[in-house]
Amino acid sequence: MAGGDDFYSKDRPEHPQMAEDRPRGGGPEDRPTTGHRHALIWFVVAVVVILVLFFIFI
């Protein structure tokens, strides 16, 4: 029976590193564009709060 390192190293190439198949990390250019979605969400929240306060104090 072969030794531990010798058994696995006989069929491996000299530099057994694979090319990276996907980029790591990411920058601001990789962020999804949401447009004015955040402003729309805050507008809807403000309208709902105003309506709730309006109906509470009528």
N, C-alpha and C. Protein backbone atom coordinates (compact mmCIF):
# COMPACT_ATOMS: atom_id res chain seq x y z
N MET A 1 0.85 -1.17 0.00
CA MET A 1 0.00 0.00 0.00
C MET A 1 0.90 1.23 0.00
N ALA A 2 0.48 2.26 -0.73
CA ALA A 2 1.29 3.47 -0.86
C ALA A 2 1.13 4.35 0.37
N GLY A 3 2.12 5.21 0.59
CA GLY A 3 2.05 6.14 1.72
C GLY A 3 0.98 7.19 1.47
N GLY A 4 0.62 7.96 2.50
CA GLY A 4 -0.46 8.93 2.41
C GLY A 4 -0.28 9.98 1.32
N ASP A 5 0.83 10.69 1.30
CA ASP A 5 1.06 11.75 0.31
C ASP A 5 1.33 11.18 -1.07
N ASP A 6 2.02 10.08 -1.12
CA ASP A 6 2.37 9.49 -2.41
C ASP A 6 1.13 9.00 -3.15
N PHE A 7 0.14 8.48 -2.44
CA PHE A 7 -1.06 7.94 -3.08
C PHE A 7 -1.84 9.01 -3.83
N TYR A 8 -2.00 10.18 -3.22
CA TYR A 8 -2.80 11.23 -3.83
C TYR A 8 -2.01 12.07 -4.83
N SER A 9 -0.71 12.11 -4.73
CA SER A 9 0.06 13.01 -5.58
C SER A 9 0.47 12.39 -6.91
N LYS A 10 0.32 11.11 -7.10
CA LYS A 10 0.84 10.51 -8.34
C LYS A 10 0.02 10.90 -9.58
N ASP A 11 -1.28 11.13 -9.44
CA ASP A 11 -2.10 11.48 -10.60
C ASP A 11 -2.40 12.96 -10.72
N ARG A 12 -1.87 13.76 -9.81
CA ARG A 12 -2.17 15.19 -9.83
C ARG A 12 -1.15 15.94 -10.66
N PRO A 13 -1.57 17.03 -11.30
CA PRO A 13 -0.60 17.84 -12.04
C PRO A 13 0.34 18.55 -11.07
N GLU A 14 1.38 19.17 -11.64
CA GLU A 14 2.39 19.82 -10.81
C GLU A 14 1.81 20.99 -10.02
N HIS A 15 0.96 21.79 -10.64
CA HIS A 15 0.32 22.94 -9.98
C HIS A 15 -1.20 22.73 -10.04
N PRO A 16 -1.78 22.04 -9.09
CA PRO A 16 -3.20 21.66 -9.17
C PRO A 16 -4.15 22.77 -8.72
N GLN A 17 -4.08 23.93 -9.34
CA GLN A 17 -5.01 25.02 -8.99
C GLN A 17 -5.96 25.26 -10.16
N MET A 18 -7.22 25.34 -9.85
CA MET A 18 -8.22 25.58 -10.89
C MET A 18 -8.39 27.08 -11.09
N ALA A 19 -8.75 27.43 -12.29
CA ALA A 19 -9.05 28.84 -12.57
C ALA A 19 -10.33 29.22 -11.83
N GLU A 20 -10.41 30.45 -11.36
CA GLU A 20 -11.59 30.88 -10.62
C GLU A 20 -12.76 31.02 -11.58
N ASP A 21 -13.89 30.41 -11.23
CA ASP A 21 -15.02 30.39 -12.15
C ASP A 21 -15.99 31.56 -11.95
N ARG A 22 -15.80 32.34 -10.92
CA ARG A 22 -16.68 33.49 -10.71
C ARG A 22 -15.90 34.56 -9.95
N PRO A 23 -16.22 35.80 -10.20
CA PRO A 23 -15.50 36.87 -9.50
C PRO A 23 -15.92 36.94 -8.03
N ARG A 24 -15.03 37.37 -7.21
CA ARG A 24 -15.34 37.53 -5.79
C ARG A 24 -15.63 38.98 -5.49
N GLY A 25 -16.36 39.20 -4.43
CA GLY A 25 -16.63 40.57 -3.99
C GLY A 25 -17.56 41.29 -4.94
N GLY A 26 -17.25 42.49 -5.21
CA GLY A 26 -18.07 43.30 -6.09
C GLY A 26 -17.99 44.74 -5.65
N GLY A 27 -18.23 45.60 -6.56
CA GLY A 27 -18.16 47.01 -6.26
C GLY A 27 -19.50 47.66 -6.47
N PRO A 28 -19.51 48.97 -6.46
CA PRO A 28 -20.78 49.67 -6.65
C PRO A 28 -21.40 49.42 -8.02
N GLU A 29 -20.58 49.08 -9.00
CA GLU A 29 -21.15 48.82 -10.33
C GLU A 29 -21.91 47.50 -10.37
N ASP A 30 -21.70 46.63 -9.39
CA ASP A 30 -22.39 45.34 -9.35
C ASP A 30 -23.71 45.41 -8.58
N ARG A 31 -23.96 46.53 -7.92
CA ARG A 31 -25.18 46.67 -7.15
C ARG A 31 -26.39 46.83 -8.09
N PRO A 32 -27.50 46.18 -7.79
CA PRO A 32 -28.67 46.34 -8.66
C PRO A 32 -29.21 47.76 -8.60
N THR A 33 -29.63 48.24 -9.74
CA THR A 33 -30.18 49.61 -9.77
C THR A 33 -31.64 49.56 -9.38
N THR A 34 -32.02 50.39 -8.43
CA THR A 34 -33.40 50.40 -7.96
C THR A 34 -34.13 51.65 -8.42
N GLY A 35 -33.42 52.60 -9.01
CA GLY A 35 -34.07 53.81 -9.48
C GLY A 35 -34.61 54.62 -8.33
N HIS A 36 -35.86 55.02 -8.41
CA HIS A 36 -36.50 55.85 -7.38
C HIS A 36 -37.35 55.01 -6.44
N ARG A 37 -37.03 53.76 -6.33
CA ARG A 37 -37.83 52.85 -5.52
C ARG A 37 -37.82 53.25 -4.05
N HIS A 38 -36.68 53.67 -3.52
CA HIS A 38 -36.60 54.05 -2.12
C HIS A 38 -37.46 55.27 -1.83
N ALA A 39 -37.45 56.24 -2.72
CA ALA A 39 -38.27 57.44 -2.53
C ALA A 39 -39.75 57.07 -2.58
N LEU A 40 -40.12 56.16 -3.46
CA LEU A 40 -41.51 55.73 -3.56
C LEU A 40 -41.95 55.01 -2.29
N ILE A 41 -41.09 54.19 -1.74
CA ILE A 41 -41.43 53.47 -0.51
C ILE A 41 -41.65 54.45 0.64
N TRP A 42 -40.75 55.44 0.78
CA TRP A 42 -40.91 56.43 1.85
C TRP A 42 -42.16 57.29 1.63
N PHE A 43 -42.49 57.59 0.38
CA PHE A 43 -43.70 58.36 0.09
C PHE A 43 -44.94 57.57 0.52
N VAL A 44 -44.98 56.30 0.21
CA VAL A 44 -46.13 55.46 0.59
C VAL A 44 -46.23 55.35 2.11
N VAL A 45 -45.10 55.19 2.78
CA VAL A 45 -45.10 55.12 4.25
C VAL A 45 -45.63 56.41 4.84
N ALA A 46 -45.20 57.55 4.29
CA ALA A 46 -45.66 58.85 4.80
C ALA A 46 -47.17 59.02 4.58
N VAL A 47 -47.66 58.62 3.42
CA VAL A 47 -49.11 58.73 3.15
C VAL A 47 -49.90 57.85 4.10
N VAL A 48 -49.44 56.65 4.36
CA VAL A 48 -50.15 55.75 5.28
C VAL A 48 -50.15 56.33 6.69
N VAL A 49 -49.03 56.87 7.14
CA VAL A 49 -48.97 57.46 8.48
C VAL A 49 -49.91 58.65 8.58
N ILE A 50 -49.93 59.50 7.56
CA ILE A 50 -50.82 60.67 7.57
C ILE A 50 -52.28 60.22 7.60
N LEU A 51 -52.61 59.20 6.80
CA LEU A 51 -54.00 58.73 6.80
C LEU A 51 -54.39 58.12 8.15
N VAL A 52 -53.51 57.37 8.76
CA VAL A 52 -53.81 56.77 10.07
C VAL A 52 -54.01 57.88 11.10
N LEU A 53 -53.12 58.86 11.12
CA LEU A 53 -53.27 59.97 12.06
C LEU A 53 -54.55 60.76 11.79
N PHE A 54 -54.90 60.94 10.53
CA PHE A 54 -56.12 61.66 10.17
C PHE A 54 -57.36 60.95 10.72
N PHE A 55 -57.41 59.62 10.54
CA PHE A 55 -58.58 58.88 11.01
C PHE A 55 -58.61 58.73 12.52
N ILE A 56 -57.46 58.77 13.17
CA ILE A 56 -57.45 58.69 14.64
C ILE A 56 -57.99 59.98 15.25
N PHE A 57 -57.64 61.12 14.69
CA PHE A 57 -58.00 62.40 15.29
C PHE A 57 -59.26 63.04 14.70
N ILE A 58 -60.03 62.31 13.92
CA ILE A 58 -61.32 62.87 13.42
C ILE A 58 -62.38 62.68 14.46
